[in-house]
Amino acid sequence: MLWSVLGGTVIAALGAFVCLKPGLVWELTEKWKSYRADEPSDFYLKSTKAGGILLALLGAMMIVLPWVLE
């Protein structure tokens, strides 16, 4: 149960970071791939925010699930 809670906390924090700072995520992961791109596209920002929300929800489910299944 402890590992599920710790893992869920890490995943939820990562999801919140990705949702709140998609521009920084783009700079760290995608900017180096293109020499012309100055900023991420609107589609990238929206899809990254949606992915961050889903990741945060998954982390919250991992935190709560051990108590629900008892």
PDB file of N, CA and C in Angstrom:
ATOM      1  N   MET A   1       0.817  -1.189   0.000  1.00  0.00           N
ATOM      2  CA  MET A   1       0.000   0.000   0.000  1.00  0.00           C
ATOM      3  C   MET A   1       0.866   1.261   0.000  1.00  0.00           C
ATOM      4  N   LEU A   2       1.961   1.227   0.707  1.00  0.00           N
ATOM      5  CA  LEU A   2       2.842   2.392   0.766  1.00  0.00           C
ATOM      6  C   LEU A   2       3.397   2.741  -0.610  1.00  0.00           C
ATOM      7  N   TRP A   3       3.783   1.720  -1.380  1.00  0.00           N
ATOM      8  CA  TRP A   3       4.343   1.976  -2.708  1.00  0.00           C
ATOM      9  C   TRP A   3       3.305   2.578  -3.645  1.00  0.00           C
ATOM     10  N   SER A   4       2.078   2.157  -3.521  1.00  0.00           N
ATOM     11  CA  SER A   4       1.013   2.713  -4.347  1.00  0.00           C
ATOM     12  C   SER A   4       0.784   4.183  -4.032  1.00  0.00           C
ATOM     13  N   VAL A   5       0.796   4.513  -2.759  1.00  0.00           N
ATOM     14  CA  VAL A   5       0.592   5.910  -2.352  1.00  0.00           C
ATOM     15  C   VAL A   5       1.774   6.769  -2.791  1.00  0.00           C
ATOM     16  N   LEU A   6       2.985   6.293  -2.580  1.00  0.00           N
ATOM     17  CA  LEU A   6       4.166   7.064  -2.996  1.00  0.00           C
ATOM     18  C   LEU A   6       4.226   7.226  -4.516  1.00  0.00           C
ATOM     19  N   GLY A   7       3.974   6.137  -5.224  1.00  0.00           N
ATOM     20  CA  GLY A   7       3.973   6.205  -6.687  1.00  0.00           C
ATOM     21  C   GLY A   7       2.873   7.110  -7.207  1.00  0.00           C
ATOM     22  N   GLY A   8       1.696   7.043  -6.596  1.00  0.00           N
ATOM     23  CA  GLY A   8       0.600   7.916  -6.999  1.00  0.00           C
ATOM     24  C   GLY A   8       0.900   9.376  -6.746  1.00  0.00           C
ATOM     25  N   THR A   9       1.590   9.640  -5.652  1.00  0.00           N
ATOM     26  CA  THR A   9       1.969  11.020  -5.346  1.00  0.00           C
ATOM     27  C   THR A   9       2.945  11.558  -6.381  1.00  0.00           C
ATOM     28  N   VAL A  10       3.923  10.755  -6.753  1.00  0.00           N
ATOM     29  CA  VAL A  10       4.902  11.183  -7.761  1.00  0.00           C
ATOM     30  C   VAL A  10       4.211  11.398  -9.107  1.00  0.00           C
ATOM     31  N   ILE A  11       3.354  10.484  -9.499  1.00  0.00           N
ATOM     32  CA  ILE A  11       2.667  10.596 -10.791  1.00  0.00           C
ATOM     33  C   ILE A  11       1.716  11.786 -10.797  1.00  0.00           C
ATOM     34  N   ALA A  12       1.006  12.016  -9.698  1.00  0.00           N
ATOM     35  CA  ALA A  12       0.101  13.167  -9.619  1.00  0.00           C
ATOM     36  C   ALA A  12       0.887  14.480  -9.681  1.00  0.00           C
ATOM     37  N   ALA A  13       2.020  14.540  -9.010  1.00  0.00           N
ATOM     38  CA  ALA A  13       2.848  15.753  -9.051  1.00  0.00           C
ATOM     39  C   ALA A  13       3.397  15.984 -10.454  1.00  0.00           C
ATOM     40  N   LEU A  14       3.825  14.923 -11.113  1.00  0.00           N
ATOM     41  CA  LEU A  14       4.315  15.044 -12.486  1.00  0.00           C
ATOM     42  C   LEU A  14       3.202  15.511 -13.414  1.00  0.00           C
ATOM     43  N   GLY A  15       2.010  14.966 -13.253  1.00  0.00           N
ATOM     44  CA  GLY A  15       0.871  15.391 -14.069  1.00  0.00           C
ATOM     45  C   GLY A  15       0.519  16.845 -13.844  1.00  0.00           C
ATOM     46  N   ALA A  16       0.559  17.285 -12.592  1.00  0.00           N
ATOM     47  CA  ALA A  16       0.275  18.693 -12.296  1.00  0.00           C
ATOM     48  C   ALA A  16       1.325  19.600 -12.925  1.00  0.00           C
ATOM     49  N   PHE A  17       2.592  19.198 -12.861  1.00  0.00           N
ATOM     50  CA  PHE A  17       3.657  19.985 -13.480  1.00  0.00           C
ATOM     51  C   PHE A  17       3.463  20.088 -14.987  1.00  0.00           C
ATOM     52  N   VAL A  18       3.151  18.965 -15.626  1.00  0.00           N
ATOM     53  CA  VAL A  18       2.955  18.959 -17.080  1.00  0.00           C
ATOM     54  C   VAL A  18       1.753  19.820 -17.451  1.00  0.00           C
ATOM     55  N   CYS A  19       0.702  19.774 -16.649  1.00  0.00           N
ATOM     56  CA  CYS A  19      -0.499  20.561 -16.932  1.00  0.00           C
ATOM     57  C   CYS A  19      -0.253  22.057 -16.744  1.00  0.00           C
ATOM     58  N   LEU A  20       0.492  22.414 -15.720  1.00  0.00           N
ATOM     59  CA  LEU A  20       0.699  23.829 -15.406  1.00  0.00           C
ATOM     60  C   LEU A  20       1.815  24.477 -16.225  1.00  0.00           C
ATOM     61  N   LYS A  21       2.799  23.720 -16.659  1.00  0.00           N
ATOM     62  CA  LYS A  21       3.957  24.271 -17.372  1.00  0.00           C
ATOM     63  C   LYS A  21       4.211  23.533 -18.699  1.00  0.00           C
ATOM     64  N   PRO A  22       3.262  23.520 -19.642  1.00  0.00           N
ATOM     65  CA  PRO A  22       3.499  22.794 -20.891  1.00  0.00           C
ATOM     66  C   PRO A  22       4.597  23.440 -21.747  1.00  0.00           C
ATOM     67  N   GLY A  23       4.781  24.734 -21.628  1.00  0.00           N
ATOM     68  CA  GLY A  23       5.843  25.404 -22.379  1.00  0.00           C
ATOM     69  C   GLY A  23       7.225  24.957 -21.930  1.00  0.00           C
ATOM     70  N   LEU A  24       7.404  24.786 -20.647  1.00  0.00           N
ATOM     71  CA  LEU A  24       8.676  24.311 -20.114  1.00  0.00           C
ATOM     72  C   LEU A  24       8.916  22.858 -20.508  1.00  0.00           C
ATOM     73  N   VAL A  25       7.860  22.058 -20.498  1.00  0.00           N
ATOM     74  CA  VAL A  25       7.981  20.664 -20.944  1.00  0.00           C
ATOM     75  C   VAL A  25       8.416  20.628 -22.400  1.00  0.00           C
ATOM     76  N   TRP A  26       7.865  21.520 -23.229  1.00  0.00           N
ATOM     77  CA  TRP A  26       8.250  21.582 -24.642  1.00  0.00           C
ATOM     78  C   TRP A  26       9.738  21.964 -24.777  1.00  0.00           C
ATOM     79  N   GLU A  27      10.177  22.935 -23.982  1.00  0.00           N
ATOM     80  CA  GLU A  27      11.582  23.341 -24.051  1.00  0.00           C
ATOM     81  C   GLU A  27      12.517  22.211 -23.650  1.00  0.00           C
ATOM     82  N   LEU A  28      12.122  21.433 -22.662  1.00  0.00           N
ATOM     83  CA  LEU A  28      12.987  20.349 -22.195  1.00  0.00           C
ATOM     84  C   LEU A  28      12.982  19.134 -23.118  1.00  0.00           C
ATOM     85  N   THR A  29      11.872  18.889 -23.819  1.00  0.00           N
ATOM     86  CA  THR A  29      11.750  17.642 -24.567  1.00  0.00           C
ATOM     87  C   THR A  29      11.728  17.796 -26.083  1.00  0.00           C
ATOM     88  N   GLU A  30      11.240  18.917 -26.597  1.00  0.00           N
ATOM     89  CA  GLU A  30      11.010  19.011 -28.037  1.00  0.00           C
ATOM     90  C   GLU A  30      11.794  20.117 -28.749  1.00  0.00           C
ATOM     91  N   LYS A  31      12.183  21.140 -28.056  1.00  0.00           N
ATOM     92  CA  LYS A  31      12.800  22.307 -28.700  1.00  0.00           C
ATOM     93  C   LYS A  31      14.094  21.956 -29.427  1.00  0.00           C
ATOM     94  N   TRP A  32      14.871  21.068 -28.874  1.00  0.00           N
ATOM     95  CA  TRP A  32      16.160  20.726 -29.460  1.00  0.00           C
ATOM     96  C   TRP A  32      16.007  19.990 -30.791  1.00  0.00           C
ATOM     97  N   LYS A  33      14.812  19.475 -31.080  1.00  0.00           N
ATOM     98  CA  LYS A  33      14.604  18.720 -32.311  1.00  0.00           C
ATOM     99  C   LYS A  33      14.440  19.607 -33.532  1.00  0.00           C
ATOM    100  N   SER A  34      14.154  20.890 -33.335  1.00  0.00           N
ATOM    101  CA  SER A  34      13.907  21.787 -34.458  1.00  0.00           C
ATOM    102  C   SER A  34      14.707  23.069 -34.274  1.00  0.00           C
ATOM    103  N   TYR A  35      15.375  23.494 -35.312  1.00  0.00           N
ATOM    104  CA  TYR A  35      16.132  24.731 -35.226  1.00  0.00           C
ATOM    105  C   TYR A  35      15.279  25.942 -35.605  1.00  0.00           C
ATOM    106  N   ARG A  36      14.078  25.737 -36.146  1.00  0.00           N
ATOM    107  CA  ARG A  36      13.214  26.832 -36.555  1.00  0.00           C
ATOM    108  C   ARG A  36      12.153  27.184 -35.513  1.00  0.00           C
ATOM    109  N   ALA A  37      11.778  26.250 -34.695  1.00  0.00           N
ATOM    110  CA  ALA A  37      10.668  26.466 -33.766  1.00  0.00           C
ATOM    111  C   ALA A  37      11.079  27.383 -32.625  1.00  0.00           C
ATOM    112  N   ASP A  38      10.316  28.452 -32.441  1.00  0.00           N
ATOM    113  CA  ASP A  38      10.566  29.379 -31.342  1.00  0.00           C
ATOM    114  C   ASP A  38       9.659  29.107 -30.153  1.00  0.00           C
ATOM    115  N   GLU A  39       8.482  28.554 -30.427  1.00  0.00           N
ATOM    116  CA  GLU A  39       7.527  28.265 -29.362  1.00  0.00           C
ATOM    117  C   GLU A  39       6.649  27.101 -29.788  1.00  0.00           C
ATOM    118  N   PRO A  40       6.006  26.432 -28.837  1.00  0.00           N
ATOM    119  CA  PRO A  40       5.159  25.290 -29.184  1.00  0.00           C
ATOM    120  C   PRO A  40       3.856  25.745 -29.842  1.00  0.00           C
ATOM    121  N   SER A  41       3.257  24.853 -30.604  1.00  0.00           N
ATOM    122  CA  SER A  41       1.985  25.167 -31.246  1.00  0.00           C
ATOM    123  C   SER A  41       0.855  25.132 -30.228  1.00  0.00           C
ATOM    124  N   ASP A  42      -0.272  25.718 -30.602  1.00  0.00           N
ATOM    125  CA  ASP A  42      -1.434  25.706 -29.714  1.00  0.00           C
ATOM    126  C   ASP A  42      -1.921  24.286 -29.478  1.00  0.00           C
ATOM    127  N   PHE A  43      -1.880  23.447 -30.525  1.00  0.00           N
ATOM    128  CA  PHE A  43      -2.307  22.055 -30.373  1.00  0.00           C
ATOM    129  C   PHE A  43      -1.411  21.320 -29.387  1.00  0.00           C
ATOM    130  N   TYR A  44      -0.117  21.555 -29.455  1.00  0.00           N
ATOM    131  CA  TYR A  44       0.804  20.912 -28.510  1.00  0.00           C
ATOM    132  C   TYR A  44       0.482  21.329 -27.079  1.00  0.00           C
ATOM    133  N   LEU A  45       0.247  22.611 -26.864  1.00  0.00           N
ATOM    134  CA  LEU A  45      -0.044  23.091 -25.515  1.00  0.00           C
ATOM    135  C   LEU A  45      -1.335  22.478 -24.970  1.00  0.00           C
ATOM    136  N   LYS A  46      -2.385  22.438 -25.809  1.00  0.00           N
ATOM    137  CA  LYS A  46      -3.664  21.889 -25.360  1.00  0.00           C
ATOM    138  C   LYS A  46      -3.572  20.386 -25.101  1.00  0.00           C
ATOM    139  N   SER A  47      -2.907  19.662 -26.001  1.00  0.00           N
ATOM    140  CA  SER A  47      -2.816  18.213 -25.808  1.00  0.00           C
ATOM    141  C   SER A  47      -1.909  17.862 -24.630  1.00  0.00           C
ATOM    142  N   THR A  48      -0.885  18.643 -24.379  1.00  0.00           N
ATOM    143  CA  THR A  48      -0.020  18.402 -23.230  1.00  0.00           C
ATOM    144  C   THR A  48      -0.762  18.689 -21.923  1.00  0.00           C
ATOM    145  N   LYS A  49      -1.568  19.748 -21.911  1.00  0.00           N
ATOM    146  CA  LYS A  49      -2.371  20.031 -20.720  1.00  0.00           C
ATOM    147  C   LYS A  49      -3.359  18.900 -20.459  1.00  0.00           C
ATOM    148  N   ALA A  50      -4.000  18.397 -21.513  1.00  0.00           N
ATOM    149  CA  ALA A  50      -4.949  17.294 -21.349  1.00  0.00           C
ATOM    150  C   ALA A  50      -4.234  16.042 -20.832  1.00  0.00           C
ATOM    151  N   GLY A  51      -3.064  15.764 -21.354  1.00  0.00           N
ATOM    152  CA  GLY A  51      -2.283  14.628 -20.866  1.00  0.00           C
ATOM    153  C   GLY A  51      -1.863  14.797 -19.419  1.00  0.00           C
ATOM    154  N   GLY A  52      -1.527  16.006 -19.025  1.00  0.00           N
ATOM    155  CA  GLY A  52      -1.169  16.279 -17.637  1.00  0.00           C
ATOM    156  C   GLY A  52      -2.343  16.074 -16.698  1.00  0.00           C
ATOM    157  N   ILE A  53      -3.534  16.476 -17.132  1.00  0.00           N
ATOM    158  CA  ILE A  53      -4.729  16.262 -16.313  1.00  0.00           C
ATOM    159  C   ILE A  53      -4.992  14.774 -16.148  1.00  0.00           C
ATOM    160  N   LEU A  54      -4.893  14.014 -17.240  1.00  0.00           N
ATOM    161  CA  LEU A  54      -5.103  12.565 -17.155  1.00  0.00           C
ATOM    162  C   LEU A  54      -4.062  11.904 -16.255  1.00  0.00           C
ATOM    163  N   LEU A  55      -2.828  12.345 -16.342  1.00  0.00           N
ATOM    164  CA  LEU A  55      -1.771  11.792 -15.501  1.00  0.00           C
ATOM    165  C   LEU A  55      -2.016  12.116 -14.024  1.00  0.00           C
ATOM    166  N   ALA A  56      -2.457  13.325 -13.739  1.00  0.00           N
ATOM    167  CA  ALA A  56      -2.763  13.702 -12.359  1.00  0.00           C
ATOM    168  C   ALA A  56      -3.942  12.887 -11.822  1.00  0.00           C
ATOM    169  N   LEU A  57      -4.943  12.646 -12.664  1.00  0.00           N
ATOM    170  CA  LEU A  57      -6.078  11.817 -12.241  1.00  0.00           C
ATOM    171  C   LEU A  57      -5.644  10.380 -11.976  1.00  0.00           C
ATOM    172  N   LEU A  58      -4.778   9.853 -12.806  1.00  0.00           N
ATOM    173  CA  LEU A  58      -4.253   8.506 -12.589  1.00  0.00           C
ATOM    174  C   LEU A  58      -3.503   8.431 -11.258  1.00  0.00           C
ATOM    175  N   GLY A  59      -2.699   9.434 -10.971  1.00  0.00           N
ATOM    176  CA  GLY A  59      -1.987   9.467  -9.694  1.00  0.00           C
ATOM    177  C   GLY A  59      -2.937   9.538  -8.516  1.00  0.00           C
ATOM    178  N   ALA A  60      -3.997  10.333  -8.633  1.00  0.00           N
ATOM    179  CA  ALA A  60      -4.982  10.420  -7.552  1.00  0.00           C
ATOM    180  C   ALA A  60      -5.691   9.082  -7.360  1.00  0.00           C
ATOM    181  N   MET A  61      -5.988   8.391  -8.440  1.00  0.00           N
ATOM    182  CA  MET A  61      -6.613   7.077  -8.338  1.00  0.00           C
ATOM    183  C   MET A  61      -5.676   6.079  -7.665  1.00  0.00           C
ATOM    184  N   MET A  62      -4.393   6.152  -7.971  1.00  0.00           N
ATOM    185  CA  MET A  62      -3.424   5.260  -7.332  1.00  0.00           C
ATOM    186  C   MET A  62      -3.319   5.516  -5.834  1.00  0.00           C
ATOM    187  N   ILE A  63      -3.501   6.755  -5.425  1.00  0.00           N
ATOM    188  CA  ILE A  63      -3.438   7.088  -4.006  1.00  0.00           C
ATOM    189  C   ILE A  63      -4.672   6.558  -3.277  1.00  0.00           C
ATOM    190  N   VAL A  64      -5.831   6.690  -3.869  1.00  0.00           N
ATOM    191  CA  VAL A  64      -7.090   6.340  -3.215  1.00  0.00           C
ATOM    192  C   VAL A  64      -7.418   4.859  -3.301  1.00  0.00           C
ATOM    193  N   LEU A  65      -7.002   4.207  -4.350  1.00  0.00           N
ATOM    194  CA  LEU A  65      -7.401   2.822  -4.623  1.00  0.00           C
ATOM    195  C   LEU A  65      -7.097   1.814  -3.504  1.00  0.00           C
ATOM    196  N   PRO A  66      -5.973   1.869  -2.829  1.00  0.00           N
ATOM    197  CA  PRO A  66      -5.729   0.894  -1.752  1.00  0.00           C
ATOM    198  C   PRO A  66      -6.784   0.939  -0.643  1.00  0.00           C
ATOM    199  N   TRP A  67      -7.300   2.126  -0.330  1.00  0.00           N
ATOM    200  CA  TRP A  67      -8.316   2.228   0.715  1.00  0.00           C
ATOM    201  C   TRP A  67      -9.682   1.794   0.203  1.00  0.00           C
ATOM    202  N   VAL A  68      -9.939   1.951  -1.053  1.00  0.00           N
ATOM    203  CA  VAL A  68     -11.228   1.538  -1.624  1.00  0.00           C
ATOM    204  C   VAL A  68     -11.302   0.012  -1.697  1.00  0.00           C
ATOM    205  N   LEU A  69     -10.196  -0.642  -1.993  1.00  0.00           N
ATOM    206  CA  LEU A  69     -10.186  -2.083  -2.177  1.00  0.00           C
ATOM    207  C   LEU A  69     -10.079  -2.870  -0.876  1.00  0.00           C
ATOM    208  N   GLU A  70      -9.915  -2.230   0.250  1.00  0.00           N
ATOM    209  CA  GLU A  70      -9.788  -2.945   1.530  1.00  0.00           C
ATOM    210  C   GLU A  70     -11.076  -3.578   1.948  1.00  0.00           C
TER     211      GLU A  70
END
